[in-house]
Amino acid sequence: MNTLRNKVQLIGNLGNDPQIINLENGKKLAKFSLATNESYKNAKGEKVNQTDWHNLIAWGKTADIIEKFVTKGKEIAIEGKLTTRSWEDKDGVKRYTTEVVCNELLMLSK
């Protein structure tokens, strides 16, 4: 391993329809959440289903594809990178969020 990379790959289902934002500079932004599911057996041998939610954003052509073809419940595979951003809320408190910036998208649902 010559270099370490910031890379995320997820397969899951959209929790809601994507939010599409057209910015003043002409760029398009898609915001959406993705649910990933995992099943395992606990110490008692009971099957446990665990769902994790991930916040994602996409820009440009990827946002165009998401706007046209991706809706709530659709199964997709994405590849991207983790980013953390910060802002001040209305009370002046600094807030942080971590998102996956989606660079590649594969639609798995029919």
Protein backbone atom coordinates (compact mmCIF):
# COMPACT_ATOMS: atom_id res chain seq x y z
CA MET A 1 0.00 0.00 0.00
CA ASN A 2 1.92 3.00 -1.28
CA THR A 3 -0.67 5.62 -0.43
CA LEU A 4 -3.71 5.66 1.79
CA ARG A 5 -6.90 6.99 0.27
CA ASN A 6 -10.14 8.43 1.54
CA LYS A 7 -12.58 6.06 -0.18
CA VAL A 8 -16.10 4.94 0.72
CA GLN A 9 -18.23 2.31 -1.01
CA LEU A 10 -21.82 1.77 0.05
CA ILE A 11 -24.80 -0.22 -1.20
CA GLY A 12 -28.16 0.70 0.23
CA ASN A 13 -31.60 2.20 -0.23
CA LEU A 14 -32.59 5.86 -0.31
CA GLY A 15 -34.52 7.00 2.74
CA ASN A 16 -36.24 9.92 0.96
CA ASP A 17 -36.36 11.52 -2.44
CA PRO A 18 -33.14 13.48 -3.02
CA GLN A 19 -33.14 17.19 -2.31
CA ILE A 20 -31.90 19.03 -5.42
CA ILE A 21 -30.41 22.50 -5.02
CA ASN A 22 -29.60 24.73 -8.00
CA LEU A 23 -26.91 27.15 -6.86
CA GLU A 24 -26.51 30.71 -8.15
CA ASN A 25 -23.25 29.82 -9.89
CA GLY A 26 -25.11 27.27 -12.06
CA LYS A 27 -23.89 24.21 -10.17
CA LYS A 28 -26.34 21.54 -9.02
CA LEU A 29 -26.19 19.80 -5.64
CA ALA A 30 -28.06 16.64 -4.63
CA LYS A 31 -28.47 15.79 -0.93
CA PHE A 32 -29.83 12.42 0.13
CA SER A 33 -29.64 9.74 2.80
CA LEU A 34 -28.77 6.10 2.26
CA ALA A 35 -29.68 3.20 4.56
CA THR A 36 -27.33 0.22 4.76
CA ASN A 37 -28.43 -2.98 6.46
CA GLU A 38 -26.48 -5.66 8.28
CA SER A 39 -27.72 -8.89 9.85
CA TYR A 40 -25.91 -10.90 12.49
CA LYS A 41 -26.60 -13.27 15.38
CA ASN A 42 -26.11 -11.96 18.89
CA ALA A 43 -24.69 -13.91 21.84
CA LYS A 44 -28.09 -15.59 22.40
CA GLY A 45 -28.20 -16.77 18.80
CA GLU A 46 -30.97 -14.35 17.88
CA LYS A 47 -30.92 -12.69 14.48
CA VAL A 48 -30.37 -8.94 14.75
CA ASN A 49 -30.95 -6.51 11.89
CA GLN A 50 -29.05 -3.24 12.10
CA THR A 51 -29.66 -0.25 9.84
CA ASP A 52 -27.14 2.60 9.55
CA TRP A 53 -27.99 5.92 7.88
CA HIS A 54 -25.45 7.86 5.83
CA ASN A 55 -25.73 11.44 4.60
CA LEU A 56 -24.56 11.88 1.01
CA ILE A 57 -24.09 14.75 -1.42
CA ALA A 58 -23.36 14.78 -5.14
CA TRP A 59 -22.40 17.57 -7.54
CA GLY A 60 -22.70 18.24 -11.27
CA LYS A 61 -23.48 15.36 -13.62
CA THR A 62 -23.88 12.91 -10.75
CA ALA A 63 -26.49 15.25 -9.22
CA ASP A 64 -28.24 15.40 -12.63
CA ILE A 65 -28.48 11.60 -12.77
CA ILE A 66 -29.75 11.44 -9.19
CA GLU A 67 -32.39 14.08 -9.92
CA LYS A 68 -33.68 12.21 -13.00
CA PHE A 69 -33.53 8.57 -11.92
CA VAL A 70 -33.15 8.11 -8.15
CA THR A 71 -36.12 8.19 -5.77
CA LYS A 72 -37.02 7.06 -2.26
CA GLY A 73 -36.52 3.33 -1.74
CA LYS A 74 -34.28 2.77 -4.77
CA GLU A 75 -31.24 0.56 -4.22
CA ILE A 76 -27.98 2.13 -5.37
CA ALA A 77 -24.25 1.56 -5.05
CA ILE A 78 -22.01 4.59 -4.58
CA GLU A 79 -18.33 5.33 -4.38
CA GLY A 80 -17.03 8.53 -2.87
CA LYS A 81 -15.07 10.07 -0.04
CA LEU A 82 -15.78 11.23 3.51
CA THR A 83 -15.80 14.95 4.19
CA THR A 84 -16.49 16.96 7.32
CA ARG A 85 -17.69 20.53 7.20
CA SER A 86 -18.62 23.06 9.83
CA TRP A 87 -20.87 26.12 10.14
CA GLU A 88 -22.31 28.37 12.81
CA ASP A 89 -25.98 27.97 13.62
CA LYS A 90 -28.35 30.86 14.32
CA ASP A 91 -27.22 30.92 17.97
CA GLY A 92 -23.54 31.19 17.02
CA VAL A 93 -22.76 27.58 17.99
CA LYS A 94 -20.28 25.82 15.73
CA ARG A 95 -21.79 22.66 14.22
CA TYR A 96 -20.17 19.81 12.30
CA THR A 97 -21.42 17.19 9.92
CA THR A 98 -19.74 14.32 8.10
CA GLU A 99 -21.00 13.41 4.64
CA VAL A 100 -20.05 11.12 1.81
CA VAL A 101 -19.33 13.02 -1.41
CA CYS A 102 -20.62 10.69 -4.11
CA ASN A 103 -18.36 10.50 -7.18
CA GLU A 104 -19.74 7.34 -8.81
CA LEU A 105 -23.24 5.92 -8.82
CA LEU A 106 -24.70 2.61 -9.94
CA MET A 107 -28.46 2.06 -9.89
CA LEU A 108 -29.32 -1.45 -8.75
CA SER A 109 -33.13 -1.23 -8.61
CA LYS A 110 -35.20 -1.84 -11.72
